[in-house]
Amino acid sequence: MMKFIHFRSADINQLVEIHKNAFTKEHFTAFFPDELLRKYLLKLIEANEYNIGAYNSEGIMTGFIIAGTKSDIVIKQFTSANLLTIFWQLMKHPFFLIEKIVDLILRFTRSKNISKEQVRLYLFEIDRPYQGEGLGKELLEYFENLLLSKQIFSFGLSVRKKNRRAVNFYERNGFKKEFSDYKSIFFIKSLKIDNN
């Protein structure tokens, strides 16, 4: 049986391992060296309000959610503070360098869509050995009930279009497409109070 609790920065090494196991190579952070990834995740944890870990009966983290209202601000600050290291990682992985250049061009040539949802589910990861067992659905439901207990009735997230498994998961679990850009789909979900 899984236990869901608010995790702290002391769990950072488990988060790093799950991130490395769960994130596909379509994500730039999957190529971060451990120390940079540790810094990145710590900044997200420190800034966001809803950090939930799933732990098995032996106390090992099997998945996690990082969500809140400050992820975008944290990413900008983290990028500025680690610009040289991130640039070096981009040079080592030219696909992402090209992607960042396209992002910059589009930012200046198109109007940018911005989600209306303040609360964002920024990272949602299940360790590879536990995927496909319903843990993601359980962890998501726990997170949604937490939001409802705080009188928050909707939230958003984004996912890579190529990540069909994740896109299908969100569609099956009641998320609606808010908009999309050339690489991501932005979803929102409205939460309903169960009166039973």
N, C-alpha and C. Protein backbone atom coordinates (compact mmCIF):
# COMPACT_ATOMS: atom_id res chain seq x y z
N MET A 1 0.84 -1.19 0.00
CA MET A 1 0.00 0.00 0.00
C MET A 1 0.89 1.25 0.00
N MET A 2 0.51 2.21 -0.82
CA MET A 2 1.28 3.45 -0.94
C MET A 2 0.81 4.48 0.09
N LYS A 3 1.76 5.27 0.52
CA LYS A 3 1.49 6.37 1.44
C LYS A 3 1.84 7.66 0.70
N PHE A 4 0.96 8.65 0.78
CA PHE A 4 1.18 9.93 0.12
C PHE A 4 1.41 10.99 1.20
N ILE A 5 2.55 11.65 1.13
CA ILE A 5 2.85 12.70 2.11
C ILE A 5 3.58 13.86 1.43
N HIS A 6 3.51 15.00 2.08
CA HIS A 6 4.23 16.19 1.62
C HIS A 6 5.71 15.93 1.87
N PHE A 7 6.50 15.93 0.81
CA PHE A 7 7.92 15.64 1.00
C PHE A 7 8.71 16.93 1.20
N ARG A 8 9.94 16.75 1.66
CA ARG A 8 10.82 17.88 1.93
C ARG A 8 12.09 17.74 1.10
N SER A 9 12.91 18.75 1.16
CA SER A 9 14.16 18.74 0.38
C SER A 9 15.10 17.61 0.79
N ALA A 10 14.90 17.01 1.97
CA ALA A 10 15.73 15.88 2.39
C ALA A 10 15.57 14.67 1.46
N ASP A 11 14.47 14.64 0.72
CA ASP A 11 14.21 13.53 -0.22
C ASP A 11 14.82 13.77 -1.60
N ILE A 12 15.67 14.76 -1.72
CA ILE A 12 16.15 15.20 -3.03
C ILE A 12 16.84 14.09 -3.82
N ASN A 13 17.62 13.25 -3.16
CA ASN A 13 18.32 12.20 -3.91
C ASN A 13 17.35 11.21 -4.54
N GLN A 14 16.25 10.91 -3.84
CA GLN A 14 15.24 10.03 -4.42
C GLN A 14 14.56 10.69 -5.61
N LEU A 15 14.29 11.99 -5.49
CA LEU A 15 13.68 12.72 -6.60
C LEU A 15 14.58 12.71 -7.83
N VAL A 16 15.87 12.93 -7.62
CA VAL A 16 16.82 12.93 -8.73
C VAL A 16 16.80 11.58 -9.44
N GLU A 17 16.82 10.50 -8.69
CA GLU A 17 16.81 9.16 -9.29
C GLU A 17 15.53 8.90 -10.07
N ILE A 18 14.39 9.27 -9.49
CA ILE A 18 13.11 9.07 -10.19
C ILE A 18 13.09 9.89 -11.47
N HIS A 19 13.53 11.14 -11.38
CA HIS A 19 13.55 12.01 -12.56
C HIS A 19 14.40 11.40 -13.67
N LYS A 20 15.56 10.90 -13.31
CA LYS A 20 16.45 10.29 -14.31
C LYS A 20 15.83 9.02 -14.91
N ASN A 21 15.11 8.26 -14.11
CA ASN A 21 14.48 7.02 -14.59
C ASN A 21 13.22 7.29 -15.41
N ALA A 22 12.44 8.28 -14.99
CA ALA A 22 11.11 8.48 -15.56
C ALA A 22 11.07 9.41 -16.75
N PHE A 23 11.92 10.43 -16.76
CA PHE A 23 11.84 11.42 -17.84
C PHE A 23 12.51 10.90 -19.11
N THR A 24 11.83 11.09 -20.21
CA THR A 24 12.37 10.65 -21.49
C THR A 24 13.45 11.63 -21.96
N LYS A 25 14.19 11.22 -22.94
CA LYS A 25 15.26 12.04 -23.48
C LYS A 25 14.74 13.19 -24.35
N GLU A 26 13.42 13.37 -24.40
CA GLU A 26 12.84 14.51 -25.09
C GLU A 26 12.88 15.76 -24.20
N HIS A 27 13.24 15.58 -22.94
CA HIS A 27 13.28 16.68 -21.98
C HIS A 27 14.72 17.05 -21.69
N PHE A 28 15.00 18.32 -21.79
CA PHE A 28 16.36 18.83 -21.59
C PHE A 28 16.91 18.45 -20.21
N THR A 29 16.08 18.52 -19.18
CA THR A 29 16.56 18.23 -17.83
C THR A 29 16.99 16.77 -17.66
N ALA A 30 16.56 15.90 -18.55
CA ALA A 30 17.01 14.50 -18.48
C ALA A 30 18.51 14.37 -18.73
N PHE A 31 19.11 15.40 -19.32
CA PHE A 31 20.54 15.41 -19.60
C PHE A 31 21.35 16.19 -18.57
N PHE A 32 20.67 16.76 -17.58
CA PHE A 32 21.40 17.51 -16.56
C PHE A 32 22.31 16.58 -15.76
N PRO A 33 23.52 17.03 -15.44
CA PRO A 33 24.33 16.26 -14.48
C PRO A 33 23.61 16.26 -13.13
N ASP A 34 23.89 15.25 -12.29
CA ASP A 34 23.17 15.10 -11.02
C ASP A 34 23.17 16.36 -10.17
N GLU A 35 24.30 17.03 -10.07
CA GLU A 35 24.37 18.21 -9.20
C GLU A 35 23.48 19.34 -9.72
N LEU A 36 23.45 19.56 -11.04
CA LEU A 36 22.58 20.59 -11.61
C LEU A 36 21.11 20.21 -11.45
N LEU A 37 20.79 18.94 -11.66
CA LEU A 37 19.42 18.46 -11.49
C LEU A 37 18.98 18.61 -10.03
N ARG A 38 19.88 18.31 -9.11
CA ARG A 38 19.59 18.46 -7.68
C ARG A 38 19.25 19.92 -7.36
N LYS A 39 20.05 20.86 -7.86
CA LYS A 39 19.80 22.29 -7.65
C LYS A 39 18.45 22.71 -8.23
N TYR A 40 18.19 22.23 -9.44
CA TYR A 40 16.94 22.56 -10.15
C TYR A 40 15.72 22.09 -9.34
N LEU A 41 15.74 20.83 -8.93
CA LEU A 41 14.61 20.28 -8.18
C LEU A 41 14.47 20.95 -6.82
N LEU A 42 15.58 21.24 -6.15
CA LEU A 42 15.51 21.92 -4.85
C LEU A 42 14.85 23.29 -4.98
N LYS A 43 15.19 24.03 -6.03
CA LYS A 43 14.58 25.35 -6.24
C LYS A 43 13.07 25.21 -6.45
N LEU A 44 12.66 24.21 -7.23
CA LEU A 44 11.23 24.00 -7.45
C LEU A 44 10.51 23.62 -6.16
N ILE A 45 11.13 22.76 -5.38
CA ILE A 45 10.53 22.32 -4.11
C ILE A 45 10.38 23.51 -3.16
N GLU A 46 11.42 24.29 -3.03
CA GLU A 46 11.41 25.43 -2.10
C GLU A 46 10.34 26.46 -2.47
N ALA A 47 10.06 26.62 -3.75
CA ALA A 47 9.17 27.68 -4.19
C ALA A 47 7.71 27.26 -4.29
N ASN A 48 7.45 25.98 -4.44
CA ASN A 48 6.07 25.55 -4.69
C ASN A 48 5.40 24.97 -3.45
N GLU A 49 4.08 25.09 -3.43
CA GLU A 49 3.29 24.76 -2.25
C GLU A 49 2.88 23.30 -2.15
N TYR A 50 2.79 22.61 -3.28
CA TYR A 50 2.21 21.27 -3.28
C TYR A 50 3.23 20.26 -3.78
N ASN A 51 4.00 19.73 -2.87
CA ASN A 51 5.04 18.75 -3.18
C ASN A 51 4.66 17.45 -2.49
N ILE A 52 4.21 16.49 -3.27
CA ILE A 52 3.67 15.26 -2.70
C ILE A 52 4.48 14.08 -3.21
N GLY A 53 4.88 13.23 -2.29
CA GLY A 53 5.59 12.01 -2.65
C GLY A 53 4.73 10.79 -2.39
N ALA A 54 4.91 9.78 -3.22
CA ALA A 54 4.30 8.46 -3.00
C ALA A 54 5.41 7.55 -2.49
N TYR A 55 5.15 6.88 -1.37
CA TYR A 55 6.15 6.02 -0.75
C TYR A 55 5.58 4.62 -0.57
N ASN A 56 6.40 3.62 -0.86
CA ASN A 56 5.95 2.24 -0.66
C ASN A 56 6.08 1.87 0.82
N SER A 57 5.76 0.62 1.16
CA SER A 57 5.75 0.19 2.56
C SER A 57 7.15 0.20 3.19
N GLU A 58 8.19 0.22 2.36
CA GLU A 58 9.56 0.29 2.89
C GLU A 58 10.07 1.73 3.00
N GLY A 59 9.21 2.71 2.70
CA GLY A 59 9.59 4.11 2.81
C GLY A 59 10.37 4.64 1.63
N ILE A 60 10.35 3.91 0.52
CA ILE A 60 11.05 4.34 -0.70
C ILE A 60 10.08 5.13 -1.57
N MET A 61 10.53 6.30 -2.02
CA MET A 61 9.70 7.12 -2.88
C MET A 61 9.54 6.44 -4.24
N THR A 62 8.30 6.36 -4.70
CA THR A 62 8.00 5.70 -5.97
C THR A 62 7.47 6.67 -7.03
N GLY A 63 7.17 7.88 -6.60
CA GLY A 63 6.67 8.90 -7.52
C GLY A 63 6.49 10.21 -6.78
N PHE A 64 6.29 11.28 -7.52
CA PHE A 64 6.10 12.58 -6.87
C PHE A 64 5.41 13.57 -7.79
N ILE A 65 4.87 14.59 -7.14
CA ILE A 65 4.28 15.75 -7.81
C ILE A 65 4.93 17.00 -7.21
N ILE A 66 5.31 17.91 -8.08
CA ILE A 66 5.71 19.26 -7.66
C ILE A 66 4.75 20.21 -8.37
N ALA A 67 3.99 20.98 -7.58
CA ALA A 67 2.99 21.87 -8.15
C ALA A 67 2.87 23.12 -7.29
N GLY A 68 2.36 24.16 -7.90
CA GLY A 68 2.15 25.40 -7.18
C GLY A 68 1.97 26.56 -8.14
N THR A 69 2.32 27.73 -7.67
CA THR A 69 2.08 28.94 -8.46
C THR A 69 3.36 29.65 -8.89
N LYS A 70 4.52 29.09 -8.54
CA LYS A 70 5.76 29.83 -8.77
C LYS A 70 6.78 29.14 -9.68
N SER A 71 6.41 28.08 -10.35
CA SER A 71 7.39 27.32 -11.15
C SER A 71 8.04 28.17 -12.24
N ASP A 72 7.25 28.96 -12.95
CA ASP A 72 7.82 29.75 -14.05
C ASP A 72 8.85 30.75 -13.55
N ILE A 73 8.56 31.39 -12.43
CA ILE A 73 9.50 32.36 -11.85
C ILE A 73 10.80 31.65 -11.45
N VAL A 74 10.66 30.49 -10.82
CA VAL A 74 11.82 29.73 -10.36
C VAL A 74 12.70 29.32 -11.53
N ILE A 75 12.07 28.90 -12.63
CA ILE A 75 12.85 28.44 -13.79
C ILE A 75 13.65 29.60 -14.37
N LYS A 76 13.06 30.77 -14.45
CA LYS A 76 13.80 31.93 -14.95
C LYS A 76 14.97 32.26 -14.04
N GLN A 77 14.74 32.26 -12.73
CA GLN A 77 15.83 32.54 -11.78
C GLN A 77 16.91 31.48 -11.85
N PHE A 78 16.51 30.22 -11.93
CA PHE A 78 17.47 29.12 -11.99
C PHE A 78 18.31 29.22 -13.26
N THR A 79 17.66 29.52 -14.38
CA THR A 79 18.39 29.65 -15.65
C THR A 79 19.40 30.80 -15.58
N SER A 80 18.97 31.93 -15.05
CA SER A 80 19.90 33.07 -14.92
C SER A 80 21.09 32.72 -14.03
N ALA A 81 20.84 32.06 -12.93
CA ALA A 81 21.90 31.74 -11.97
C ALA A 81 22.86 30.67 -12.48
N ASN A 82 22.41 29.86 -13.44
CA ASN A 82 23.22 28.74 -13.93
C ASN A 82 23.42 28.81 -15.44
N LEU A 83 23.45 30.02 -15.96
CA LEU A 83 23.47 30.24 -17.41
C LEU A 83 24.63 29.53 -18.11
N LEU A 84 25.82 29.63 -17.60
CA LEU A 84 26.96 29.00 -18.27
C LEU A 84 26.85 27.47 -18.29
N THR A 85 26.47 26.90 -17.17
CA THR A 85 26.32 25.44 -17.12
C THR A 85 25.22 24.97 -18.05
N ILE A 86 24.11 25.69 -18.08
CA ILE A 86 23.00 25.32 -18.96
C ILE A 86 23.41 25.49 -20.42
N PHE A 87 24.11 26.59 -20.72
CA PHE A 87 24.58 26.79 -22.10
C PHE A 87 25.50 25.65 -22.53
N TRP A 88 26.39 25.22 -21.64
CA TRP A 88 27.29 24.11 -21.94
C TRP A 88 26.49 22.82 -22.22
N GLN A 89 25.43 22.59 -21.45
CA GLN A 89 24.59 21.42 -21.69
C GLN A 89 23.88 21.52 -23.05
N LEU A 90 23.46 22.74 -23.39
CA LEU A 90 22.83 22.95 -24.70
C LEU A 90 23.83 22.65 -25.83
N MET A 91 25.06 23.06 -25.67
CA MET A 91 26.08 22.81 -26.69
C MET A 91 26.35 21.31 -26.84
N LYS A 92 26.27 20.58 -25.75
CA LYS A 92 26.49 19.13 -25.79
C LYS A 92 25.31 18.39 -26.41
N HIS A 93 24.14 19.05 -26.43
CA HIS A 93 22.92 18.43 -26.96
C HIS A 93 22.27 19.41 -27.93
N PRO A 94 22.77 19.48 -29.17
CA PRO A 94 22.35 20.52 -30.12
C PRO A 94 20.86 20.54 -30.44
N PHE A 95 20.18 19.40 -30.32
CA PHE A 95 18.74 19.39 -30.57
C PHE A 95 18.04 20.43 -29.69
N PHE A 96 18.43 20.48 -28.41
CA PHE A 96 17.79 21.41 -27.48
C PHE A 96 18.23 22.85 -27.74
N LEU A 97 19.44 23.03 -28.24
CA LEU A 97 19.89 24.37 -28.61
C LEU A 97 19.01 24.90 -29.74
N ILE A 98 18.77 24.07 -30.73
CA ILE A 98 17.90 24.47 -31.85
C ILE A 98 16.49 24.76 -31.33
N GLU A 99 16.00 23.90 -30.43
CA GLU A 99 14.67 24.09 -29.86
C GLU A 99 14.58 25.43 -29.12
N LYS A 100 15.61 25.79 -28.37
CA LYS A 100 15.62 27.06 -27.64
C LYS A 100 15.65 28.25 -28.60
N ILE A 101 16.38 28.12 -29.70
CA ILE A 101 16.43 29.18 -30.70
C ILE A 101 15.05 29.36 -31.33
N VAL A 102 14.40 28.25 -31.67
CA VAL A 102 13.03 28.31 -32.22
C VAL A 102 12.09 28.98 -31.21
N ASP A 103 12.22 28.61 -29.93
CA ASP A 103 11.40 29.23 -28.88
C ASP A 103 11.57 30.75 -28.88
N LEU A 104 12.83 31.21 -28.96
CA LEU A 104 13.10 32.66 -28.97
C LEU A 104 12.50 33.34 -30.19
N ILE A 105 12.66 32.72 -31.35
CA ILE A 105 12.11 33.30 -32.58
C ILE A 105 10.59 33.42 -32.47
N LEU A 106 9.95 32.33 -32.01
CA LEU A 106 8.49 32.35 -31.89
C LEU A 106 8.01 33.35 -30.85
N ARG A 107 8.79 33.51 -29.80
CA ARG A 107 8.42 34.47 -28.75
C ARG A 107 8.32 35.88 -29.32
N PHE A 108 9.18 36.20 -30.29
CA PHE A 108 9.19 37.55 -30.85
C PHE A 108 8.32 37.70 -32.09
N THR A 109 7.87 36.60 -32.68
CA THR A 109 7.08 36.69 -33.90
C THR A 109 5.61 36.32 -33.71
N ARG A 110 5.27 35.72 -32.59
CA ARG A 110 3.88 35.33 -32.32
C ARG A 110 3.48 35.79 -30.94
N SER A 111 2.17 36.00 -30.79
CA SER A 111 1.70 36.29 -29.44
C SER A 111 1.69 34.98 -28.66
N LYS A 112 2.12 35.07 -27.43
CA LYS A 112 2.25 33.87 -26.61
C LYS A 112 0.96 33.60 -25.86
N ASN A 113 0.49 32.36 -25.94
CA ASN A 113 -0.65 31.95 -25.12
C ASN A 113 -0.18 31.79 -23.68
N ILE A 114 -1.00 32.22 -22.76
CA ILE A 114 -0.70 32.07 -21.35
C ILE A 114 -1.89 31.40 -20.69
N SER A 115 -1.62 30.36 -19.94
CA SER A 115 -2.69 29.65 -19.25
C SER A 115 -3.37 30.54 -18.24
N LYS A 116 -4.67 30.37 -18.12
CA LYS A 116 -5.42 31.14 -17.12
C LYS A 116 -5.29 30.53 -15.73
N GLU A 117 -4.75 29.31 -15.65
CA GLU A 117 -4.64 28.61 -14.37
C GLU A 117 -3.40 29.05 -13.61
N GLN A 118 -3.60 29.48 -12.38
CA GLN A 118 -2.47 29.89 -11.55
C GLN A 118 -1.73 28.69 -10.97
N VAL A 119 -2.48 27.71 -10.48
CA VAL A 119 -1.84 26.51 -9.93
C VAL A 119 -1.47 25.60 -11.09
N ARG A 120 -0.17 25.26 -11.16
CA ARG A 120 0.34 24.43 -12.24
C ARG A 120 0.95 23.16 -11.66
N LEU A 121 0.60 22.04 -12.24
CA LEU A 121 1.27 20.79 -11.91
C LEU A 121 2.51 20.78 -12.79
N TYR A 122 3.66 21.03 -12.19
CA TYR A 122 4.87 21.22 -12.98
C TYR A 122 5.61 19.92 -13.26
N LEU A 123 5.80 19.10 -12.24
CA LEU A 123 6.43 17.80 -12.44
C LEU A 123 5.54 16.72 -11.82
N PHE A 124 5.32 15.68 -12.58
CA PHE A 124 4.51 14.55 -12.14
C PHE A 124 5.22 13.31 -12.66
N GLU A 125 5.87 12.60 -11.78
CA GLU A 125 6.72 11.50 -12.21
C GLU A 125 6.48 10.25 -11.36
N ILE A 126 6.41 9.14 -12.04
CA ILE A 126 6.32 7.83 -11.40
C ILE A 126 7.57 7.06 -11.81
N ASP A 127 8.26 6.48 -10.83
CA ASP A 127 9.46 5.72 -11.12
C ASP A 127 9.11 4.56 -12.06
N ARG A 128 10.00 4.31 -13.00
CA ARG A 128 9.73 3.34 -14.08
C ARG A 128 9.19 1.99 -13.59
N PRO A 129 9.75 1.37 -12.54
CA PRO A 129 9.22 0.06 -12.13
C PRO A 129 7.77 0.09 -11.64
N TYR A 130 7.26 1.28 -11.31
CA TYR A 130 5.91 1.39 -10.77
C TYR A 130 4.91 1.93 -11.79
N GLN A 131 5.38 2.22 -13.00
CA GLN A 131 4.48 2.74 -14.03
C GLN A 131 3.54 1.65 -14.50
N GLY A 132 2.32 2.06 -14.84
CA GLY A 132 1.33 1.12 -15.37
C GLY A 132 0.59 0.32 -14.31
N GLU A 133 0.77 0.69 -13.03
CA GLU A 133 0.11 -0.05 -11.95
C GLU A 133 -0.99 0.76 -11.26
N GLY A 134 -1.33 1.92 -11.81
CA GLY A 134 -2.38 2.75 -11.23
C GLY A 134 -1.89 3.76 -10.20
N LEU A 135 -0.58 3.78 -9.94
CA LEU A 135 -0.04 4.71 -8.95
C LEU A 135 -0.23 6.15 -9.39
N GLY A 136 -0.04 6.42 -10.68
CA GLY A 136 -0.20 7.79 -11.19
C GLY A 136 -1.60 8.32 -10.92
N LYS A 137 -2.60 7.49 -11.17
CA LYS A 137 -3.99 7.90 -10.94
C LYS A 137 -4.24 8.16 -9.45
N GLU A 138 -3.71 7.29 -8.59
CA GLU A 138 -3.88 7.47 -7.14
C GLU A 138 -3.21 8.76 -6.66
N LEU A 139 -1.99 9.01 -7.12
CA LEU A 139 -1.25 10.20 -6.71
C LEU A 139 -1.95 11.46 -7.21
N LEU A 140 -2.45 11.42 -8.44
CA LEU A 140 -3.19 12.55 -9.00
C LEU A 140 -4.45 12.82 -8.19
N GLU A 141 -5.19 11.78 -7.82
CA GLU A 141 -6.40 11.96 -7.03
C GLU A 141 -6.08 12.56 -5.66
N TYR A 142 -5.00 12.12 -5.05
CA TYR A 142 -4.59 12.68 -3.76
C TYR A 142 -4.30 14.17 -3.91
N PHE A 143 -3.56 14.53 -4.94
CA PHE A 143 -3.24 15.93 -5.22
C PHE A 143 -4.51 16.75 -5.43
N GLU A 144 -5.45 16.23 -6.21
CA GLU A 144 -6.69 16.95 -6.49
C GLU A 144 -7.52 17.15 -5.22
N ASN A 145 -7.56 16.14 -4.36
CA ASN A 145 -8.28 16.28 -3.09
C ASN A 145 -7.61 17.31 -2.19
N LEU A 146 -6.29 17.37 -2.23
CA LEU A 146 -5.57 18.40 -1.48
C LEU A 146 -5.96 19.79 -1.98
N LEU A 147 -6.01 19.96 -3.30
CA LEU A 147 -6.41 21.26 -3.85
C LEU A 147 -7.83 21.61 -3.42
N LEU A 148 -8.74 20.65 -3.50
CA LEU A 148 -10.12 20.91 -3.08
C LEU A 148 -10.19 21.33 -1.62
N SER A 149 -9.37 20.70 -0.77
CA SER A 149 -9.37 21.05 0.65
C SER A 149 -8.88 22.50 0.87
N LYS A 150 -8.16 23.05 -0.11
CA LYS A 150 -7.67 24.43 -0.05
C LYS A 150 -8.58 25.38 -0.84
N GLN A 151 -9.75 24.87 -1.26
CA GLN A 151 -10.70 25.66 -2.03
C GLN A 151 -10.16 26.06 -3.40
N ILE A 152 -9.37 25.20 -4.00
CA ILE A 152 -8.85 25.41 -5.35
C ILE A 152 -9.58 24.42 -6.25
N PHE A 153 -10.26 24.93 -7.28
CA PHE A 153 -11.16 24.10 -8.06
C PHE A 153 -10.70 23.84 -9.49
N SER A 154 -9.48 24.25 -9.81
CA SER A 154 -8.94 23.94 -11.14
C SER A 154 -7.43 24.13 -11.12
N PHE A 155 -6.77 23.49 -12.07
CA PHE A 155 -5.32 23.64 -12.19
C PHE A 155 -4.93 23.29 -13.62
N GLY A 156 -3.70 23.59 -13.98
CA GLY A 156 -3.23 23.34 -15.33
C GLY A 156 -1.88 22.64 -15.34
N LEU A 157 -1.50 22.19 -16.53
CA LEU A 157 -0.20 21.58 -16.75
C LEU A 157 0.10 21.60 -18.23
N SER A 158 1.33 21.31 -18.58
CA SER A 158 1.68 21.15 -20.00
C SER A 158 2.46 19.87 -20.16
N VAL A 159 2.35 19.30 -21.36
CA VAL A 159 3.03 18.04 -21.66
C VAL A 159 3.49 18.07 -23.11
N ARG A 160 4.60 17.44 -23.36
CA ARG A 160 5.11 17.36 -24.74
C ARG A 160 4.13 16.57 -25.61
N LYS A 161 3.88 17.08 -26.82
CA LYS A 161 2.98 16.38 -27.75
C LYS A 161 3.47 14.98 -28.06
N LYS A 162 4.79 14.81 -28.14
CA LYS A 162 5.36 13.50 -28.47
C LYS A 162 5.17 12.47 -27.36
N ASN A 163 4.90 12.94 -26.16
CA ASN A 163 4.74 12.03 -25.03
C ASN A 163 3.30 11.50 -25.01
N ARG A 164 3.01 10.63 -25.96
CA ARG A 164 1.64 10.13 -26.15
C ARG A 164 1.10 9.42 -24.91
N ARG A 165 1.97 8.73 -24.22
CA ARG A 165 1.51 8.01 -23.02
C ARG A 165 0.95 9.00 -21.99
N ALA A 166 1.68 10.09 -21.77
CA ALA A 166 1.22 11.10 -20.81
C ALA A 166 -0.03 11.82 -21.33
N VAL A 167 -0.03 12.17 -22.60
CA VAL A 167 -1.20 12.85 -23.18
C VAL A 167 -2.44 11.98 -23.00
N ASN A 168 -2.33 10.70 -23.31
CA ASN A 168 -3.47 9.78 -23.15
C ASN A 168 -3.90 9.68 -21.69
N PHE A 169 -2.92 9.63 -20.78
CA PHE A 169 -3.24 9.56 -19.34
C PHE A 169 -4.07 10.77 -18.93
N TYR A 170 -3.63 11.96 -19.31
CA TYR A 170 -4.35 13.17 -18.91
C TYR A 170 -5.75 13.21 -19.54
N GLU A 171 -5.87 12.84 -20.79
CA GLU A 171 -7.19 12.83 -21.43
C GLU A 171 -8.13 11.84 -20.75
N ARG A 172 -7.60 10.66 -20.39
CA ARG A 172 -8.42 9.66 -19.69
C ARG A 172 -8.85 10.12 -18.30
N ASN A 173 -8.09 11.04 -17.71
CA ASN A 173 -8.37 11.48 -16.35
C ASN A 173 -9.02 12.85 -16.28
N GLY A 174 -9.74 13.22 -17.33
CA GLY A 174 -10.61 14.38 -17.28
C GLY A 174 -10.00 15.73 -17.61
N PHE A 175 -8.79 15.75 -18.14
CA PHE A 175 -8.17 17.01 -18.51
C PHE A 175 -8.69 17.45 -19.88
N LYS A 176 -8.82 18.76 -20.06
CA LYS A 176 -9.26 19.33 -21.33
C LYS A 176 -8.15 20.20 -21.89
N LYS A 177 -8.01 20.16 -23.19
CA LYS A 177 -6.98 20.96 -23.85
C LYS A 177 -7.35 22.44 -23.75
N GLU A 178 -6.41 23.22 -23.25
CA GLU A 178 -6.59 24.67 -23.17
C GLU A 178 -6.07 25.31 -24.45
N PHE A 179 -4.86 24.95 -24.87
CA PHE A 179 -4.26 25.38 -26.13
C PHE A 179 -3.01 24.54 -26.35
N SER A 180 -2.38 24.73 -27.50
CA SER A 180 -1.12 24.03 -27.75
C SER A 180 -0.19 24.96 -28.53
N ASP A 181 1.09 24.62 -28.47
CA ASP A 181 2.06 25.31 -29.31
C ASP A 181 2.78 24.26 -30.13
N TYR A 182 3.89 24.59 -30.73
CA TYR A 182 4.52 23.65 -31.65
C TYR A 182 5.06 22.40 -30.97
N LYS A 183 5.29 22.44 -29.64
CA LYS A 183 5.85 21.25 -28.99
C LYS A 183 5.03 20.72 -27.82
N SER A 184 4.13 21.53 -27.25
CA SER A 184 3.43 21.11 -26.03
C SER A 184 1.93 21.32 -26.14
N ILE A 185 1.21 20.53 -25.34
CA ILE A 185 -0.23 20.71 -25.15
C ILE A 185 -0.41 21.21 -23.72
N PHE A 186 -1.22 22.24 -23.56
CA PHE A 186 -1.54 22.79 -22.25
C PHE A 186 -2.94 22.32 -21.89
N PHE A 187 -3.01 21.63 -20.77
CA PHE A 187 -4.27 21.07 -20.29
C PHE A 187 -4.73 21.82 -19.05
N ILE A 188 -6.04 21.81 -18.85
CA ILE A 188 -6.62 22.28 -17.59
C ILE A 188 -7.58 21.21 -17.09
N LYS A 189 -7.81 21.23 -15.80
CA LYS A 189 -8.80 20.32 -15.21
C LYS A 189 -9.60 21.07 -14.17
N SER A 190 -10.92 20.96 -14.29
CA SER A 190 -11.82 21.51 -13.29
C SER A 190 -12.14 20.41 -12.30
N LEU A 191 -12.11 20.76 -11.04
CA LEU A 191 -12.34 19.78 -9.98
C LEU A 191 -13.75 19.95 -9.43
N LYS A 192 -14.39 18.84 -9.16
CA LYS A 192 -15.75 18.85 -8.61
C LYS A 192 -15.72 18.26 -7.22
N ILE A 193 -16.51 18.86 -6.36
CA ILE A 193 -16.63 18.33 -5.00
C ILE A 193 -17.58 17.15 -5.02
N ASP A 194 -17.14 16.06 -4.44
CA ASP A 194 -17.97 14.85 -4.35
C ASP A 194 -18.88 15.00 -3.12
N ASN A 195 -20.17 15.09 -3.36
CA ASN A 195 -21.12 15.29 -2.26
C ASN A 195 -21.67 13.98 -1.71
N ASN A 196 -21.13 12.87 -2.11
CA ASN A 196 -21.63 11.57 -1.61
C ASN A 196 -21.09 11.25 -0.24
